[in-house]
Amino acid sequence: MLWVIKMRMLPDLLTLSRGLVAVAILGLGFVGERALEAVILLTILGWTTDILDGRLARKYNKPATWIGEREFVFDMLMVFSGLCYLVLSGLTNAWLALIYVLVAAVCIAIFRSKMITMSFATPLVALPLIVASVRAPRAALWYLIWIAGALLLDWSRFKGVVREFLENAKKLAQRYMSG
């Protein structure tokens, strides 16, 4: 019985671990470009916990907790930490990053839509991979292999996320087209 209780806590612990991974990635920004491979590996670890926490929560029919309800916030912390690493290490232009974040913040505040947030987050998710493809090709290859494996293992979930995104885009468009 105690084992089942501990297993039901695991999704929340995996979600929380993304916060720790985000802090580690941010800290590696002060190390610089030589930490890029480590950042990619931590990013892979973080996104792996993202896949696992949802699967385990569904497997154990886990009711939503305070942490589970904020799972998307932990995802966005991961995304933002990657951008911060790239800026702090000098691999991305700080002014362009600042402008992007400000535009994103304004749009997110105006539209208050997860779909808008995801639209701004998606390029930031890809940015470490793009930079690594030039600066740390081995790490980029690991990341691409991980992405392919994650898609193969969790294709139906990926389709569901894309479907939800498109449905939210349609609702948002209808809300502003009819208003």
C-alpha atoms as a PDB file:
ATOM      1  CA  MET A   1       0.000   0.000   0.000  1.00  0.00           C
ATOM      2  CA  LEU A   2       2.804   2.431   0.897  1.00  0.00           C
ATOM      3  CA  TRP A   3       4.463   1.649  -2.449  1.00  0.00           C
ATOM      4  CA  VAL A   4       1.304   2.664  -4.316  1.00  0.00           C
ATOM      5  CA  ILE A   5       1.145   5.955  -2.391  1.00  0.00           C
ATOM      6  CA  LYS A   6       4.782   6.681  -3.238  1.00  0.00           C
ATOM      7  CA  MET A   7       4.178   5.813  -6.886  1.00  0.00           C
ATOM      8  CA  ARG A   8       1.221   8.216  -6.956  1.00  0.00           C
ATOM      9  CA  MET A   9       3.610  10.962  -5.767  1.00  0.00           C
ATOM     10  CA  LEU A  10       6.057  10.236  -8.573  1.00  0.00           C
ATOM     11  CA  PRO A  11       4.309  12.355 -11.257  1.00  0.00           C
ATOM     12  CA  ASP A  12       4.518  15.426  -9.018  1.00  0.00           C
ATOM     13  CA  LEU A  13       8.152  14.714  -8.198  1.00  0.00           C
ATOM     14  CA  LEU A  14       8.944  14.402 -11.899  1.00  0.00           C
ATOM     15  CA  THR A  15       7.172  17.704 -12.560  1.00  0.00           C
ATOM     16  CA  LEU A  16       9.107  19.381  -9.737  1.00  0.00           C
ATOM     17  CA  SER A  17      12.338  17.953 -11.088  1.00  0.00           C
ATOM     18  CA  ARG A  18      11.844  20.080 -14.224  1.00  0.00           C
ATOM     19  CA  GLY A  19      12.123  23.113 -11.983  1.00  0.00           C
ATOM     20  CA  LEU A  20      15.470  21.824 -10.719  1.00  0.00           C
ATOM     21  CA  VAL A  21      16.610  21.049 -14.258  1.00  0.00           C
ATOM     22  CA  ALA A  22      15.633  24.594 -15.275  1.00  0.00           C
ATOM     23  CA  VAL A  23      17.700  26.056 -12.418  1.00  0.00           C
ATOM     24  CA  ALA A  24      20.678  23.892 -13.428  1.00  0.00           C
ATOM     25  CA  ILE A  25      20.393  24.991 -17.066  1.00  0.00           C
ATOM     26  CA  LEU A  26      20.180  28.616 -15.984  1.00  0.00           C
ATOM     27  CA  GLY A  27      23.258  28.199 -13.788  1.00  0.00           C
ATOM     28  CA  LEU A  28      25.203  26.710 -16.680  1.00  0.00           C
ATOM     29  CA  GLY A  29      24.733  30.003 -18.499  1.00  0.00           C
ATOM     30  CA  PHE A  30      27.490  31.360 -16.257  1.00  0.00           C
ATOM     31  CA  VAL A  31      29.782  28.528 -17.383  1.00  0.00           C
ATOM     32  CA  GLY A  32      29.331  29.504 -21.006  1.00  0.00           C
ATOM     33  CA  GLU A  33      29.423  27.710 -24.309  1.00  0.00           C
ATOM     34  CA  ARG A  34      31.482  24.804 -23.016  1.00  0.00           C
ATOM     35  CA  ALA A  35      28.397  23.708 -21.038  1.00  0.00           C
ATOM     36  CA  LEU A  36      26.213  23.399 -24.164  1.00  0.00           C
ATOM     37  CA  GLU A  37      26.385  19.586 -24.277  1.00  0.00           C
ATOM     38  CA  ALA A  38      25.399  19.414 -20.608  1.00  0.00           C
ATOM     39  CA  VAL A  39      22.514  21.804 -21.269  1.00  0.00           C
ATOM     40  CA  ILE A  40      21.272  19.604 -24.112  1.00  0.00           C
ATOM     41  CA  LEU A  41      21.497  16.512 -21.898  1.00  0.00           C
ATOM     42  CA  LEU A  42      19.626  18.300 -19.107  1.00  0.00           C
ATOM     43  CA  THR A  43      17.022  19.436 -21.623  1.00  0.00           C
ATOM     44  CA  ILE A  44      16.550  15.837 -22.751  1.00  0.00           C
ATOM     45  CA  LEU A  45      16.203  14.800 -19.107  1.00  0.00           C
ATOM     46  CA  GLY A  46      13.675  17.555 -18.444  1.00  0.00           C
ATOM     47  CA  TRP A  47      11.504  16.709 -21.431  1.00  0.00           C
ATOM     48  CA  THR A  48      11.710  13.023 -20.537  1.00  0.00           C
ATOM     49  CA  THR A  49      10.236  13.831 -17.117  1.00  0.00           C
ATOM     50  CA  ASP A  50       7.507  15.763 -18.942  1.00  0.00           C
ATOM     51  CA  ILE A  51       6.534  12.653 -20.874  1.00  0.00           C
ATOM     52  CA  LEU A  52       6.762  10.377 -17.845  1.00  0.00           C
ATOM     53  CA  ASP A  53       4.827  12.537 -15.379  1.00  0.00           C
ATOM     54  CA  GLY A  54       1.759  12.571 -17.588  1.00  0.00           C
ATOM     55  CA  ARG A  55       1.925   8.870 -18.333  1.00  0.00           C
ATOM     56  CA  LEU A  56       2.279   7.974 -14.661  1.00  0.00           C
ATOM     57  CA  ALA A  57      -0.496  10.333 -13.581  1.00  0.00           C
ATOM     58  CA  ARG A  58      -2.843   8.687 -16.086  1.00  0.00           C
ATOM     59  CA  LYS A  59      -1.674   5.187 -15.136  1.00  0.00           C
ATOM     60  CA  TYR A  60      -2.361   5.752 -11.435  1.00  0.00           C
ATOM     61  CA  ASN A  61      -5.564   7.786 -12.056  1.00  0.00           C
ATOM     62  CA  LYS A  62      -3.927  10.494 -10.029  1.00  0.00           C
ATOM     63  CA  PRO A  63      -6.212  13.397  -9.165  1.00  0.00           C
ATOM     64  CA  ALA A  64      -4.802  16.813  -9.974  1.00  0.00           C
ATOM     65  CA  THR A  65      -2.654  18.333  -7.242  1.00  0.00           C
ATOM     66  CA  TRP A  66      -1.368  21.856  -6.850  1.00  0.00           C
ATOM     67  CA  ILE A  67       1.816  20.785  -8.647  1.00  0.00           C
ATOM     68  CA  GLY A  68      -0.032  18.876 -11.360  1.00  0.00           C
ATOM     69  CA  GLU A  69      -2.245  21.881 -12.079  1.00  0.00           C
ATOM     70  CA  ARG A  70       0.913  23.912 -12.675  1.00  0.00           C
ATOM     71  CA  GLU A  71       2.671  21.382 -14.881  1.00  0.00           C
ATOM     72  CA  PHE A  72       2.568  23.773 -17.851  1.00  0.00           C
ATOM     73  CA  VAL A  73       4.327  26.426 -15.745  1.00  0.00           C
ATOM     74  CA  PHE A  74       7.168  23.973 -15.100  1.00  0.00           C
ATOM     75  CA  ASP A  75       7.317  23.292 -18.846  1.00  0.00           C
ATOM     76  CA  MET A  76       7.612  27.008 -19.535  1.00  0.00           C
ATOM     77  CA  LEU A  77      10.355  27.303 -16.895  1.00  0.00           C
ATOM     78  CA  MET A  78      12.303  24.715 -18.873  1.00  0.00           C
ATOM     79  CA  VAL A  79      11.761  26.647 -22.093  1.00  0.00           C
ATOM     80  CA  PHE A  80      12.745  29.978 -20.546  1.00  0.00           C
ATOM     81  CA  SER A  81      15.824  28.525 -18.845  1.00  0.00           C
ATOM     82  CA  GLY A  82      17.100  27.343 -22.221  1.00  0.00           C
ATOM     83  CA  LEU A  83      16.770  30.851 -23.619  1.00  0.00           C
ATOM     84  CA  CYS A  84      18.446  32.315 -20.527  1.00  0.00           C
ATOM     85  CA  TYR A  85      21.336  29.864 -20.900  1.00  0.00           C
ATOM     86  CA  LEU A  86      21.821  30.858 -24.535  1.00  0.00           C
ATOM     87  CA  VAL A  87      21.797  34.563 -23.645  1.00  0.00           C
ATOM     88  CA  LEU A  88      24.063  34.258 -20.595  1.00  0.00           C
ATOM     89  CA  SER A  89      26.564  32.131 -22.490  1.00  0.00           C
ATOM     90  CA  GLY A  90      26.629  34.589 -25.390  1.00  0.00           C
ATOM     91  CA  LEU A  91      25.176  32.111 -27.887  1.00  0.00           C
ATOM     92  CA  THR A  92      22.083  34.231 -28.567  1.00  0.00           C
ATOM     93  CA  ASN A  93      21.741  37.977 -28.915  1.00  0.00           C
ATOM     94  CA  ALA A  94      20.431  39.381 -25.635  1.00  0.00           C
ATOM     95  CA  TRP A  95      18.531  42.265 -27.259  1.00  0.00           C
ATOM     96  CA  LEU A  96      16.716  40.006 -29.690  1.00  0.00           C
ATOM     97  CA  ALA A  97      15.858  37.628 -26.848  1.00  0.00           C
ATOM     98  CA  LEU A  98      14.572  40.504 -24.713  1.00  0.00           C
ATOM     99  CA  ILE A  99      12.422  41.866 -27.537  1.00  0.00           C
ATOM    100  CA  TYR A 100      11.041  38.368 -28.209  1.00  0.00           C
ATOM    101  CA  VAL A 101      10.196  37.832 -24.533  1.00  0.00           C
ATOM    102  CA  LEU A 102       8.548  41.258 -24.251  1.00  0.00           C
ATOM    103  CA  VAL A 103       6.443  40.711 -27.375  1.00  0.00           C
ATOM    104  CA  ALA A 104       5.516  37.251 -26.090  1.00  0.00           C
ATOM    105  CA  ALA A 105       4.587  38.624 -22.658  1.00  0.00           C
ATOM    106  CA  VAL A 106       2.377  41.323 -24.171  1.00  0.00           C
ATOM    107  CA  CYS A 107       0.630  38.868 -26.509  1.00  0.00           C
ATOM    108  CA  ILE A 108       0.145  36.322 -23.730  1.00  0.00           C
ATOM    109  CA  ALA A 109      -1.267  39.027 -21.437  1.00  0.00           C
ATOM    110  CA  ILE A 110      -3.641  40.294 -24.124  1.00  0.00           C
ATOM    111  CA  PHE A 111      -4.919  36.965 -25.408  1.00  0.00           C
ATOM    112  CA  ARG A 112      -4.590  34.866 -22.215  1.00  0.00           C
ATOM    113  CA  SER A 113      -4.371  31.690 -24.229  1.00  0.00           C
ATOM    114  CA  LYS A 114      -2.282  28.571 -23.740  1.00  0.00           C
ATOM    115  CA  MET A 115      -2.121  28.323 -27.529  1.00  0.00           C
ATOM    116  CA  ILE A 116      -0.479  31.754 -27.766  1.00  0.00           C
ATOM    117  CA  THR A 117       1.983  30.797 -25.042  1.00  0.00           C
ATOM    118  CA  MET A 118       2.803  27.577 -26.885  1.00  0.00           C
ATOM    119  CA  SER A 119       3.222  29.514 -30.140  1.00  0.00           C
ATOM    120  CA  PHE A 120       5.910  31.670 -28.565  1.00  0.00           C
ATOM    121  CA  ALA A 121       7.469  28.762 -26.669  1.00  0.00           C
ATOM    122  CA  THR A 122       7.876  26.427 -29.639  1.00  0.00           C
ATOM    123  CA  PRO A 123      10.708  28.358 -31.337  1.00  0.00           C
ATOM    124  CA  LEU A 124      12.446  28.628 -27.959  1.00  0.00           C
ATOM    125  CA  VAL A 125      12.219  24.865 -27.526  1.00  0.00           C
ATOM    126  CA  ALA A 126      13.920  24.446 -30.899  1.00  0.00           C
ATOM    127  CA  LEU A 127      16.572  27.133 -30.353  1.00  0.00           C
ATOM    128  CA  PRO A 128      18.980  25.062 -28.196  1.00  0.00           C
ATOM    129  CA  LEU A 129      18.844  22.305 -30.811  1.00  0.00           C
ATOM    130  CA  ILE A 130      19.551  24.783 -33.603  1.00  0.00           C
ATOM    131  CA  VAL A 131      22.485  26.318 -31.726  1.00  0.00           C
ATOM    132  CA  ALA A 132      23.812  22.869 -30.809  1.00  0.00           C
ATOM    133  CA  SER A 133      23.647  21.763 -34.441  1.00  0.00           C
ATOM    134  CA  VAL A 134      26.361  24.355 -35.137  1.00  0.00           C
ATOM    135  CA  ARG A 135      28.263  24.512 -31.832  1.00  0.00           C
ATOM    136  CA  ALA A 136      27.863  20.982 -30.417  1.00  0.00           C
ATOM    137  CA  PRO A 137      26.816  18.627 -33.257  1.00  0.00           C
ATOM    138  CA  ARG A 138      27.167  15.487 -31.137  1.00  0.00           C
ATOM    139  CA  ALA A 139      24.703  16.866 -28.584  1.00  0.00           C
ATOM    140  CA  ALA A 140      22.367  17.942 -31.382  1.00  0.00           C
ATOM    141  CA  LEU A 141      22.425  14.401 -32.730  1.00  0.00           C
ATOM    142  CA  TRP A 142      21.555  13.015 -29.276  1.00  0.00           C
ATOM    143  CA  TYR A 143      18.673  15.463 -29.084  1.00  0.00           C
ATOM    144  CA  LEU A 144      17.390  14.531 -32.554  1.00  0.00           C
ATOM    145  CA  ILE A 145      17.572  10.830 -31.694  1.00  0.00           C
ATOM    146  CA  TRP A 146      15.692  11.516 -28.457  1.00  0.00           C
ATOM    147  CA  ILE A 147      13.027  13.525 -30.327  1.00  0.00           C
ATOM    148  CA  ALA A 148      12.556  10.695 -32.842  1.00  0.00           C
ATOM    149  CA  GLY A 149      12.306   8.131 -30.044  1.00  0.00           C
ATOM    150  CA  ALA A 150       9.877  10.266 -28.047  1.00  0.00           C
ATOM    151  CA  LEU A 151       7.660  10.711 -31.091  1.00  0.00           C
ATOM    152  CA  LEU A 152       7.722   6.986 -31.854  1.00  0.00           C
ATOM    153  CA  LEU A 153       6.895   6.034 -28.270  1.00  0.00           C
ATOM    154  CA  ASP A 154       4.293   8.730 -27.683  1.00  0.00           C
ATOM    155  CA  TRP A 155       2.871   9.540 -31.123  1.00  0.00           C
ATOM    156  CA  SER A 156      -0.759   9.471 -30.000  1.00  0.00           C
ATOM    157  CA  ARG A 157      -0.046  11.962 -27.215  1.00  0.00           C
ATOM    158  CA  PHE A 158       1.799  14.216 -29.672  1.00  0.00           C
ATOM    159  CA  LYS A 159      -1.198  14.123 -32.018  1.00  0.00           C
ATOM    160  CA  GLY A 160      -3.440  15.007 -29.078  1.00  0.00           C
ATOM    161  CA  VAL A 161      -1.316  18.030 -28.177  1.00  0.00           C
ATOM    162  CA  VAL A 162      -1.345  19.218 -31.799  1.00  0.00           C
ATOM    163  CA  ARG A 163      -5.126  18.667 -31.983  1.00  0.00           C
ATOM    164  CA  GLU A 164      -5.642  20.641 -28.754  1.00  0.00           C
ATOM    165  CA  PHE A 165      -3.415  23.436 -30.099  1.00  0.00           C
ATOM    166  CA  LEU A 166      -5.393  23.647 -33.345  1.00  0.00           C
ATOM    167  CA  GLU A 167      -8.744  23.576 -31.533  1.00  0.00           C
ATOM    168  CA  ASN A 168      -7.597  26.384 -29.239  1.00  0.00           C
ATOM    169  CA  ALA A 169      -6.354  28.370 -32.251  1.00  0.00           C
ATOM    170  CA  LYS A 170      -9.763  27.976 -33.890  1.00  0.00           C
ATOM    171  CA  LYS A 171     -11.581  29.089 -30.702  1.00  0.00           C
ATOM    172  CA  LEU A 172      -9.289  32.065 -30.304  1.00  0.00           C
ATOM    173  CA  ALA A 173      -9.796  33.082 -33.938  1.00  0.00           C
ATOM    174  CA  GLN A 174     -13.588  32.736 -33.594  1.00  0.00           C
ATOM    175  CA  ARG A 175     -13.553  34.809 -30.387  1.00  0.00           C
ATOM    176  CA  TYR A 176     -11.700  37.688 -32.027  1.00  0.00           C
ATOM    177  CA  MET A 177     -13.327  37.434 -35.449  1.00  0.00           C
ATOM    178  CA  SER A 178     -16.868  37.573 -34.062  1.00  0.00           C
ATOM    179  CA  GLY A 179     -16.134  40.167 -31.370  1.00  0.00           C
END
